Amino acid sequence: MKGDKANIIAVAGKGGTGKTVIASLMLKFLSENGKGRVLAIDADPATCLPSTLGVKVNKTIGDVREEIASPSGVFFSEQMPTDMLIEYKIEEITVNTPLFSVLAMGRSEGPGCYCLINDMLRHFIDKLSARFPTILIDCEAGLEHLSRRTTRDVDTMLVVSDPTKRGIDTALAIKNLAEKLQINFRHIYLVLNKVTEDEAVKNALPAMVKDSGLTLIGTVPEDENIRAYDLVGKPIIELPKDSKAVVAVKEIFEKICGG
C-alpha cells in the first residue's frame, strides 16, 4: 500500500463460475496476513458473500437508499442533519468481525431518481473505505459498483471463469467492460475455477487462455468439500486448510500479495 491508499482487490465473473467462493477464500487469507482489518464489499445484488463468510447482514445499501427515497420521510430526523444520518446508517449496517468488516450493496435502484442519494452514498462509502488498508470487492458481472466509485483505481482484478471457451470469452468481455468504464487497474488476471481432471479439458485450456490474451494467475480444482459445505449452508471460509480449493487460492493470494 502506498501512502494512505487502500489496496483494492476486485473479484468479477459471471454467475455460476464460483466467483464468490474465490472472493471468500481470498478474504480469508487477506484477513490472516497481519496487515490490518479488511473491508469486504459485496457488490453483487444476489448478496451471497456474507453467507460464505458466516456473517448475517440485516440491511444493505439498497435498503438505506430506499429509506432515503421513501415519500414517508421516516428516514429523516430533525435532530440530525441528513448527511450525518446517512453516515450513521452506513456504519450501522456494516457487519464487523474480529478480522474483517462486511458491507453489502444489495439491490439496484428502483424507478425513481437516485442521483443525489447515490452521490451521498458514494461519498460515505469511500470515507468508510479509507479506514481500511485492504478492500476486497465481490463484483457483479456488470461491474456497476466499480463504475460508480469516486475512486476508480483497482490494484488487482481477478476475473473468474469456468474452464470452457464460452466462460473464458465472458471473462475477456468483463475485462473489456472494465476498460470501457475507465476503471484503472494495475493488474488484471484470469482465474480458472472448477477445473476437473478431464484430460481433454486440461489439454484444451492452454490454447483457449492464450487466444483470450488474459494472464492466467491460477487454476482452482473442483472441490467436493465446497459442494458439501453448500449443501448444509456451512461457511466456505471455514474449509479445512488442505481442501483443494483452499490450497489453490492460497497460491493465488501469495502471487498477488507476496505471501
C-alpha atoms as a PDB file:
ATOM      1  CA  MET A   1       0.000   0.000   0.000  1.00  0.00           C
ATOM      2  CA  LYS A   2       1.364   3.409  -0.948  1.00  0.00           C
ATOM      3  CA  GLY A   3       0.705   6.276   1.416  1.00  0.00           C
ATOM      4  CA  ASP A   4      -2.857   6.203   2.707  1.00  0.00           C
ATOM      5  CA  LYS A   5      -4.303   4.458  -0.326  1.00  0.00           C
ATOM      6  CA  ALA A   6      -6.007   1.155   0.348  1.00  0.00           C
ATOM      7  CA  ASN A   7      -5.013  -1.937  -1.581  1.00  0.00           C
ATOM      8  CA  ILE A   8      -8.142  -2.758  -3.603  1.00  0.00           C
ATOM      9  CA  ILE A   9      -8.754  -6.256  -4.939  1.00  0.00           C
ATOM     10  CA  ALA A  10     -11.850  -6.876  -7.062  1.00  0.00           C
ATOM     11  CA  VAL A  11     -13.249 -10.293  -7.972  1.00  0.00           C
ATOM     12  CA  ALA A  12     -15.524 -10.433 -11.006  1.00  0.00           C
ATOM     13  CA  GLY A  13     -17.141 -13.153 -13.094  1.00  0.00           C
ATOM     14  CA  LYS A  14     -20.459 -14.296 -14.481  1.00  0.00           C
ATOM     15  CA  GLY A  15     -22.905 -16.245 -12.364  1.00  0.00           C
ATOM     16  CA  GLY A  16     -22.145 -19.891 -11.786  1.00  0.00           C
ATOM     17  CA  THR A  17     -18.358 -19.618 -12.044  1.00  0.00           C
ATOM     18  CA  GLY A  18     -17.809 -19.754  -8.283  1.00  0.00           C
ATOM     19  CA  LYS A  19     -16.731 -16.112  -8.114  1.00  0.00           C
ATOM     20  CA  THR A  20     -17.969 -15.653  -4.553  1.00  0.00           C
ATOM     21  CA  VAL A  21     -16.154 -18.780  -3.376  1.00  0.00           C
ATOM     22  CA  ILE A  22     -12.893 -17.330  -4.729  1.00  0.00           C
ATOM     23  CA  ALA A  23     -13.692 -13.974  -3.100  1.00  0.00           C
ATOM     24  CA  SER A  24     -14.417 -15.542   0.298  1.00  0.00           C
ATOM     25  CA  LEU A  25     -11.189 -17.576   0.267  1.00  0.00           C
ATOM     26  CA  MET A  26      -9.176 -14.530  -0.821  1.00  0.00           C
ATOM     27  CA  LEU A  27     -10.705 -12.650   2.110  1.00  0.00           C
ATOM     28  CA  LYS A  28      -9.675 -15.477   4.430  1.00  0.00           C
ATOM     29  CA  PHE A  29      -6.006 -15.083   3.505  1.00  0.00           C
ATOM     30  CA  LEU A  30      -6.107 -11.290   3.350  1.00  0.00           C
ATOM     31  CA  SER A  31      -7.549 -11.114   6.848  1.00  0.00           C
ATOM     32  CA  GLU A  32      -4.949 -13.535   8.196  1.00  0.00           C
ATOM     33  CA  ASN A  33      -1.860 -11.851   6.749  1.00  0.00           C
ATOM     34  CA  GLY A  34      -1.394  -9.426   9.646  1.00  0.00           C
ATOM     35  CA  LYS A  35      -1.704  -6.241   7.556  1.00  0.00           C
ATOM     36  CA  GLY A  36      -4.813  -4.894   9.223  1.00  0.00           C
ATOM     37  CA  ARG A  37      -8.568  -5.249   9.020  1.00  0.00           C
ATOM     38  CA  VAL A  38     -10.087  -5.906   5.599  1.00  0.00           C
ATOM     39  CA  LEU A  39     -13.290  -4.353   4.305  1.00  0.00           C
ATOM     40  CA  ALA A  40     -15.270  -6.785   2.142  1.00  0.00           C
ATOM     41  CA  ILE A  41     -17.842  -5.106  -0.110  1.00  0.00           C
ATOM     42  CA  ASP A  42     -20.470  -7.396  -1.591  1.00  0.00           C
ATOM     43  CA  ALA A  43     -21.405  -5.503  -4.751  1.00  0.00           C
ATOM     44  CA  ASP A  44     -23.433  -8.345  -6.266  1.00  0.00           C
ATOM     45  CA  PRO A  45     -27.208  -7.789  -5.826  1.00  0.00           C
ATOM     46  CA  ALA A  46     -27.550 -11.504  -5.035  1.00  0.00           C
ATOM     47  CA  THR A  47     -25.684 -10.780  -1.761  1.00  0.00           C
ATOM     48  CA  CYS A  48     -24.152 -14.268  -1.429  1.00  0.00           C
ATOM     49  CA  LEU A  49     -20.799 -13.286   0.093  1.00  0.00           C
ATOM     50  CA  PRO A  50     -21.962 -12.868   3.722  1.00  0.00           C
ATOM     51  CA  SER A  51     -23.250 -16.452   3.929  1.00  0.00           C
ATOM     52  CA  THR A  52     -19.935 -17.839   2.627  1.00  0.00           C
ATOM     53  CA  LEU A  53     -18.232 -15.832   5.395  1.00  0.00           C
ATOM     54  CA  GLY A  54     -20.580 -16.956   8.142  1.00  0.00           C
ATOM     55  CA  VAL A  55     -21.955 -13.477   8.845  1.00  0.00           C
ATOM     56  CA  LYS A  56     -25.529 -12.211   8.758  1.00  0.00           C
ATOM     57  CA  VAL A  57     -26.367  -8.954   7.009  1.00  0.00           C
ATOM     58  CA  ASN A  58     -29.704  -7.499   8.093  1.00  0.00           C
ATOM     59  CA  LYS A  59     -29.723  -4.452   5.841  1.00  0.00           C
ATOM     60  CA  THR A  60     -27.948  -3.364   2.663  1.00  0.00           C
ATOM     61  CA  ILE A  61     -27.043  -0.066   0.993  1.00  0.00           C
ATOM     62  CA  GLY A  62     -30.007  -0.715  -1.309  1.00  0.00           C
ATOM     63  CA  ASP A  63     -32.305  -0.758   1.728  1.00  0.00           C
ATOM     64  CA  VAL A  64     -30.825   2.520   3.006  1.00  0.00           C
ATOM     65  CA  ARG A  65     -31.280   4.080  -0.447  1.00  0.00           C
ATOM     66  CA  GLU A  66     -34.967   3.147  -0.456  1.00  0.00           C
ATOM     67  CA  GLU A  67     -35.428   4.503   3.051  1.00  0.00           C
ATOM     68  CA  ILE A  68     -33.959   7.837   1.979  1.00  0.00           C
ATOM     69  CA  ALA A  69     -36.139   7.959  -1.134  1.00  0.00           C
ATOM     70  CA  SER A  70     -39.299   6.921   0.703  1.00  0.00           C
ATOM     71  CA  PRO A  71     -42.096   9.513   0.402  1.00  0.00           C
ATOM     72  CA  SER A  72     -42.961   8.890   4.056  1.00  0.00           C
ATOM     73  CA  GLY A  73     -39.757  10.609   5.106  1.00  0.00           C
ATOM     74  CA  VAL A  74     -39.390   8.301   8.122  1.00  0.00           C
ATOM     75  CA  PHE A  75     -35.656   8.119   7.469  1.00  0.00           C
ATOM     76  CA  PHE A  76     -35.054  11.751   8.308  1.00  0.00           C
ATOM     77  CA  SER A  77     -34.620  13.325  11.704  1.00  0.00           C
ATOM     78  CA  GLU A  78     -34.933  16.957  12.797  1.00  0.00           C
ATOM     79  CA  GLN A  79     -32.218  16.333  15.397  1.00  0.00           C
ATOM     80  CA  MET A  80     -29.573  15.138  12.924  1.00  0.00           C
ATOM     81  CA  PRO A  81     -28.508  16.549   9.509  1.00  0.00           C
ATOM     82  CA  THR A  82     -29.172  14.219   6.570  1.00  0.00           C
ATOM     83  CA  ASP A  83     -25.500  13.671   5.740  1.00  0.00           C
ATOM     84  CA  MET A  84     -24.711  12.674   9.325  1.00  0.00           C
ATOM     85  CA  LEU A  85     -27.721  10.370   9.387  1.00  0.00           C
ATOM     86  CA  ILE A  86     -26.598   8.634   6.186  1.00  0.00           C
ATOM     87  CA  GLU A  87     -23.110   8.178   7.572  1.00  0.00           C
ATOM     88  CA  TYR A  88     -24.594   6.735  10.751  1.00  0.00           C
ATOM     89  CA  LYS A  89     -26.777   4.342   8.727  1.00  0.00           C
ATOM     90  CA  ILE A  90     -23.807   3.055   6.716  1.00  0.00           C
ATOM     91  CA  GLU A  91     -21.881   2.473   9.929  1.00  0.00           C
ATOM     92  CA  GLU A  92     -24.915   0.725  11.377  1.00  0.00           C
ATOM     93  CA  ILE A  93     -25.307  -1.756   8.511  1.00  0.00           C
ATOM     94  CA  THR A  94     -21.586  -2.621   8.337  1.00  0.00           C
ATOM     95  CA  VAL A  95     -21.023  -6.011   9.976  1.00  0.00           C
ATOM     96  CA  ASN A  96     -17.784  -6.251  11.952  1.00  0.00           C
ATOM     97  CA  THR A  97     -15.906  -9.415  12.885  1.00  0.00           C
ATOM     98  CA  PRO A  98     -12.514  -9.618  14.655  1.00  0.00           C
ATOM     99  CA  LEU A  99     -10.597  -9.763  11.328  1.00  0.00           C
ATOM    100  CA  PHE A 100     -12.811  -8.128   8.699  1.00  0.00           C
ATOM    101  CA  SER A 101     -15.868  -5.965   8.081  1.00  0.00           C
ATOM    102  CA  VAL A 102     -18.638  -6.583   5.536  1.00  0.00           C
ATOM    103  CA  LEU A 103     -20.772  -4.052   3.678  1.00  0.00           C
ATOM    104  CA  ALA A 104     -23.455  -5.312   1.269  1.00  0.00           C
ATOM    105  CA  MET A 105     -24.638  -3.126  -1.619  1.00  0.00           C
ATOM    106  CA  GLY A 106     -27.877  -5.059  -2.190  1.00  0.00           C
ATOM    107  CA  ARG A 107     -30.406  -4.385  -4.917  1.00  0.00           C
ATOM    108  CA  SER A 108     -30.068  -1.700  -7.562  1.00  0.00           C
ATOM    109  CA  GLU A 109     -32.241   1.388  -7.803  1.00  0.00           C
ATOM    110  CA  GLY A 110     -35.974   1.426  -8.279  1.00  0.00           C
ATOM    111  CA  PRO A 111     -37.797   3.530 -10.904  1.00  0.00           C
ATOM    112  CA  GLY A 112     -37.203   6.920  -9.226  1.00  0.00           C
ATOM    113  CA  CYS A 113     -34.300   9.378  -9.438  1.00  0.00           C
ATOM    114  CA  TYR A 114     -31.446   8.458  -7.119  1.00  0.00           C
ATOM    115  CA  CYS A 115     -28.637  10.681  -8.430  1.00  0.00           C
ATOM    116  CA  LEU A 116     -28.254  12.841  -5.304  1.00  0.00           C
ATOM    117  CA  ILE A 117     -28.718   9.853  -2.994  1.00  0.00           C
ATOM    118  CA  ASN A 118     -26.100   7.839  -4.876  1.00  0.00           C
ATOM    119  CA  ASP A 119     -23.649  10.738  -4.717  1.00  0.00           C
ATOM    120  CA  MET A 120     -24.071  10.930  -0.941  1.00  0.00           C
ATOM    121  CA  LEU A 121     -23.805   7.169  -0.505  1.00  0.00           C
ATOM    122  CA  ARG A 122     -20.661   7.048  -2.668  1.00  0.00           C
ATOM    123  CA  HIS A 123     -19.070   9.757  -0.573  1.00  0.00           C
ATOM    124  CA  PHE A 124     -19.648   7.945   2.696  1.00  0.00           C
ATOM    125  CA  ILE A 125     -18.700   4.511   1.342  1.00  0.00           C
ATOM    126  CA  ASP A 126     -15.406   5.998   0.161  1.00  0.00           C
ATOM    127  CA  LYS A 127     -14.990   7.691   3.533  1.00  0.00           C
ATOM    128  CA  LEU A 128     -15.555   4.353   5.285  1.00  0.00           C
ATOM    129  CA  SER A 129     -13.209   2.567   2.876  1.00  0.00           C
ATOM    130  CA  ALA A 130     -10.385   4.989   3.677  1.00  0.00           C
ATOM    131  CA  ARG A 131     -10.130   3.482   7.159  1.00  0.00           C
ATOM    132  CA  PHE A 132      -9.057   0.081   5.830  1.00  0.00           C
ATOM    133  CA  PRO A 133      -5.642  -0.894   4.443  1.00  0.00           C
ATOM    134  CA  THR A 134      -7.240  -3.527   2.202  1.00  0.00           C
ATOM    135  CA  ILE A 135     -10.605  -3.667   0.423  1.00  0.00           C
ATOM    136  CA  LEU A 136     -11.987  -6.750  -1.304  1.00  0.00           C
ATOM    137  CA  ILE A 137     -14.910  -6.213  -3.677  1.00  0.00           C
ATOM    138  CA  ASP A 138     -17.080  -9.117  -4.821  1.00  0.00           C
ATOM    139  CA  CYS A 139     -18.461  -7.616  -8.043  1.00  0.00           C
ATOM    140  CA  GLU A 140     -21.421  -8.395 -10.178  1.00  0.00           C
ATOM    141  CA  ALA A 141     -20.579  -9.226 -13.793  1.00  0.00           C
ATOM    142  CA  GLY A 142     -21.692  -5.749 -14.876  1.00  0.00           C
ATOM    143  CA  LEU A 143     -19.136  -4.046 -12.605  1.00  0.00           C
ATOM    144  CA  GLU A 144     -21.786  -1.467 -11.706  1.00  0.00           C
ATOM    145  CA  HIS A 145     -20.325  -0.703  -8.287  1.00  0.00           C
ATOM    146  CA  LEU A 146     -16.797  -0.191  -9.564  1.00  0.00           C
ATOM    147  CA  SER A 147     -18.042   2.074 -12.334  1.00  0.00           C
ATOM    148  CA  ARG A 148     -19.738   4.323  -9.778  1.00  0.00           C
ATOM    149  CA  ARG A 149     -16.903   4.623  -7.285  1.00  0.00           C
ATOM    150  CA  THR A 150     -15.470   8.113  -6.904  1.00  0.00           C
ATOM    151  CA  THR A 151     -12.057   6.427  -6.721  1.00  0.00           C
ATOM    152  CA  ARG A 152     -11.871   4.040  -9.655  1.00  0.00           C
ATOM    153  CA  ASP A 153      -8.416   2.635  -9.029  1.00  0.00           C
ATOM    154  CA  VAL A 154      -8.198  -1.122  -8.521  1.00  0.00           C
ATOM    155  CA  ASP A 155      -4.843  -2.677  -7.710  1.00  0.00           C
ATOM    156  CA  THR A 156      -5.792  -6.206  -8.729  1.00  0.00           C
ATOM    157  CA  MET A 157      -8.800  -7.527 -10.588  1.00  0.00           C
ATOM    158  CA  LEU A 158      -9.409 -11.263 -10.645  1.00  0.00           C
ATOM    159  CA  VAL A 159     -11.790 -12.392 -13.381  1.00  0.00           C
ATOM    160  CA  VAL A 160     -13.153 -15.842 -12.560  1.00  0.00           C
ATOM    161  CA  SER A 161     -14.202 -18.265 -15.276  1.00  0.00           C
ATOM    162  CA  ASP A 162     -15.117 -21.901 -15.536  1.00  0.00           C
ATOM    163  CA  PRO A 163     -12.818 -23.979 -17.799  1.00  0.00           C
ATOM    164  CA  THR A 164     -14.821 -23.507 -21.003  1.00  0.00           C
ATOM    165  CA  LYS A 165     -14.387 -21.454 -24.166  1.00  0.00           C
ATOM    166  CA  ARG A 166     -17.645 -19.629 -23.501  1.00  0.00           C
ATOM    167  CA  GLY A 167     -16.594 -18.881 -19.921  1.00  0.00           C
ATOM    168  CA  ILE A 168     -13.194 -17.537 -20.959  1.00  0.00           C
ATOM    169  CA  ASP A 169     -14.805 -15.401 -23.664  1.00  0.00           C
ATOM    170  CA  THR A 170     -17.093 -13.927 -20.995  1.00  0.00           C
ATOM    171  CA  ALA A 171     -14.080 -13.236 -18.788  1.00  0.00           C
ATOM    172  CA  LEU A 172     -12.485 -11.299 -21.633  1.00  0.00           C
ATOM    173  CA  ALA A 173     -15.739  -9.372 -22.118  1.00  0.00           C
ATOM    174  CA  ILE A 174     -15.644  -8.380 -18.424  1.00  0.00           C
ATOM    175  CA  LYS A 175     -12.052  -7.159 -18.843  1.00  0.00           C
ATOM    176  CA  ASN A 176     -13.058  -5.113 -21.882  1.00  0.00           C
ATOM    177  CA  LEU A 177     -16.031  -3.670 -19.989  1.00  0.00           C
ATOM    178  CA  ALA A 178     -13.749  -2.602 -17.129  1.00  0.00           C
ATOM    179  CA  GLU A 179     -11.529  -0.783 -19.623  1.00  0.00           C
ATOM    180  CA  LYS A 180     -14.551   0.836 -21.298  1.00  0.00           C
ATOM    181  CA  LEU A 181     -15.756   2.091 -17.904  1.00  0.00           C
ATOM    182  CA  GLN A 182     -12.287   3.598 -17.384  1.00  0.00           C
ATOM    183  CA  ILE A 183     -11.624   1.555 -14.256  1.00  0.00           C
ATOM    184  CA  ASN A 184      -7.915   1.854 -13.636  1.00  0.00           C
ATOM    185  CA  PHE A 185      -6.226  -1.336 -12.509  1.00  0.00           C
ATOM    186  CA  ARG A 186      -2.576  -2.178 -12.047  1.00  0.00           C
ATOM    187  CA  HIS A 187      -3.081  -5.883 -12.707  1.00  0.00           C
ATOM    188  CA  ILE A 188      -5.868  -7.995 -14.158  1.00  0.00           C
ATOM    189  CA  TYR A 189      -5.721 -11.772 -14.028  1.00  0.00           C
ATOM    190  CA  LEU A 190      -7.791 -14.742 -15.088  1.00  0.00           C
ATOM    191  CA  VAL A 191      -8.674 -17.420 -12.535  1.00  0.00           C
ATOM    192  CA  LEU A 192      -9.987 -20.721 -13.850  1.00  0.00           C
ATOM    193  CA  ASN A 193     -12.291 -22.324 -11.304  1.00  0.00           C
ATOM    194  CA  LYS A 194     -13.889 -25.790 -11.091  1.00  0.00           C
ATOM    195  CA  VAL A 195     -11.128 -27.370 -13.163  1.00  0.00           C
ATOM    196  CA  THR A 196     -11.539 -31.148 -13.406  1.00  0.00           C
ATOM    197  CA  GLU A 197      -9.108 -33.949 -14.195  1.00  0.00           C
ATOM    198  CA  ASP A 198     -10.662 -34.435 -17.621  1.00  0.00           C
ATOM    199  CA  GLU A 199      -7.670 -34.767 -19.972  1.00  0.00           C
ATOM    200  CA  ALA A 200      -9.476 -33.267 -22.957  1.00  0.00           C
ATOM    201  CA  VAL A 201     -10.337 -30.143 -20.975  1.00  0.00           C
ATOM    202  CA  LYS A 202      -6.848 -29.828 -19.498  1.00  0.00           C
ATOM    203  CA  ASN A 203      -5.275 -30.167 -22.931  1.00  0.00           C
ATOM    204  CA  ALA A 204      -7.580 -27.561 -24.491  1.00  0.00           C
ATOM    205  CA  LEU A 205      -7.175 -24.911 -21.781  1.00  0.00           C
ATOM    206  CA  PRO A 206      -3.704 -23.532 -22.665  1.00  0.00           C
ATOM    207  CA  ALA A 207      -4.757 -22.650 -26.210  1.00  0.00           C
ATOM    208  CA  MET A 208      -8.038 -21.060 -25.022  1.00  0.00           C
ATOM    209  CA  VAL A 209      -6.234 -18.947 -22.429  1.00  0.00           C
ATOM    210  CA  LYS A 210      -3.594 -17.875 -24.962  1.00  0.00           C
ATOM    211  CA  ASP A 211      -6.244 -16.874 -27.504  1.00  0.00           C
ATOM    212  CA  SER A 212      -8.030 -14.750 -24.867  1.00  0.00           C
ATOM    213  CA  GLY A 213      -4.981 -12.597 -24.199  1.00  0.00           C
ATOM    214  CA  LEU A 214      -5.692 -12.788 -20.457  1.00  0.00           C
ATOM    215  CA  THR A 215      -2.955 -13.604 -17.959  1.00  0.00           C
ATOM    216  CA  LEU A 216      -3.753 -16.797 -16.074  1.00  0.00           C
ATOM    217  CA  ILE A 217      -2.711 -16.471 -12.427  1.00  0.00           C
ATOM    218  CA  GLY A 218      -4.015 -19.818 -11.200  1.00  0.00           C
ATOM    219  CA  THR A 219      -6.424 -22.693 -11.521  1.00  0.00           C
ATOM    220  CA  VAL A 220      -8.741 -23.915  -8.783  1.00  0.00           C
ATOM    221  CA  PRO A 221      -9.797 -27.568  -8.948  1.00  0.00           C
ATOM    222  CA  GLU A 222     -13.302 -28.880  -8.482  1.00  0.00           C
ATOM    223  CA  ASP A 223     -13.619 -29.351  -4.727  1.00  0.00           C
ATOM    224  CA  GLU A 224     -16.122 -31.806  -3.262  1.00  0.00           C
ATOM    225  CA  ASN A 225     -15.821 -30.045   0.106  1.00  0.00           C
ATOM    226  CA  ILE A 226     -17.412 -26.924  -1.371  1.00  0.00           C
ATOM    227  CA  ARG A 227     -20.434 -28.903  -2.525  1.00  0.00           C
ATOM    228  CA  ALA A 228     -20.715 -30.491   0.930  1.00  0.00           C
ATOM    229  CA  TYR A 229     -20.499 -27.111   2.684  1.00  0.00           C
ATOM    230  CA  ASP A 230     -23.024 -25.524   0.305  1.00  0.00           C
ATOM    231  CA  LEU A 231     -25.437 -28.389   0.889  1.00  0.00           C
ATOM    232  CA  VAL A 232     -25.722 -27.645   4.628  1.00  0.00           C
ATOM    233  CA  GLY A 233     -25.022 -23.897   4.441  1.00  0.00           C
ATOM    234  CA  LYS A 234     -21.665 -24.078   6.203  1.00  0.00           C
ATOM    235  CA  PRO A 235     -19.399 -21.023   5.623  1.00  0.00           C
ATOM    236  CA  ILE A 236     -16.875 -21.590   2.826  1.00  0.00           C
ATOM    237  CA  ILE A 237     -14.310 -19.574   4.770  1.00  0.00           C
ATOM    238  CA  GLU A 238     -14.199 -22.475   7.260  1.00  0.00           C
ATOM    239  CA  LEU A 239     -12.984 -25.032   4.695  1.00  0.00           C
ATOM    240  CA  PRO A 240     -10.046 -27.094   6.011  1.00  0.00           C
ATOM    241  CA  LYS A 241      -6.532 -25.905   5.130  1.00  0.00           C
ATOM    242  CA  ASP A 242      -5.849 -28.968   2.996  1.00  0.00           C
ATOM    243  CA  SER A 243      -9.029 -28.578   0.945  1.00  0.00           C
ATOM    244  CA  LYS A 244      -8.115 -28.436  -2.750  1.00  0.00           C
ATOM    245  CA  ALA A 245      -9.734 -25.053  -3.369  1.00  0.00           C
ATOM    246  CA  VAL A 246      -8.127 -23.532  -0.265  1.00  0.00           C
ATOM    247  CA  VAL A 247      -4.653 -24.684  -1.307  1.00  0.00           C
ATOM    248  CA  ALA A 248      -5.123 -23.332  -4.835  1.00  0.00           C
ATOM    249  CA  VAL A 249      -6.490 -19.932  -3.758  1.00  0.00           C
ATOM    250  CA  LYS A 250      -3.675 -19.570  -1.218  1.00  0.00           C
ATOM    251  CA  GLU A 251      -1.189 -19.915  -4.075  1.00  0.00           C
ATOM    252  CA  ILE A 252      -3.020 -17.195  -5.984  1.00  0.00           C
ATOM    253  CA  PHE A 253      -3.053 -14.974  -2.888  1.00  0.00           C
ATOM    254  CA  GLU A 254       0.688 -15.424  -2.439  1.00  0.00           C
ATOM    255  CA  LYS A 255       1.360 -14.461  -6.052  1.00  0.00           C
ATOM    256  CA  ILE A 256      -0.663 -11.266  -5.614  1.00  0.00           C
ATOM    257  CA  CYS A 257       0.409 -10.282  -2.105  1.00  0.00           C
ATOM    258  CA  GLY A 258       3.826 -11.892  -1.838  1.00  0.00           C
ATOM    259  CA  GLY A 259       2.833 -14.426   0.836  1.00  0.00           C
END
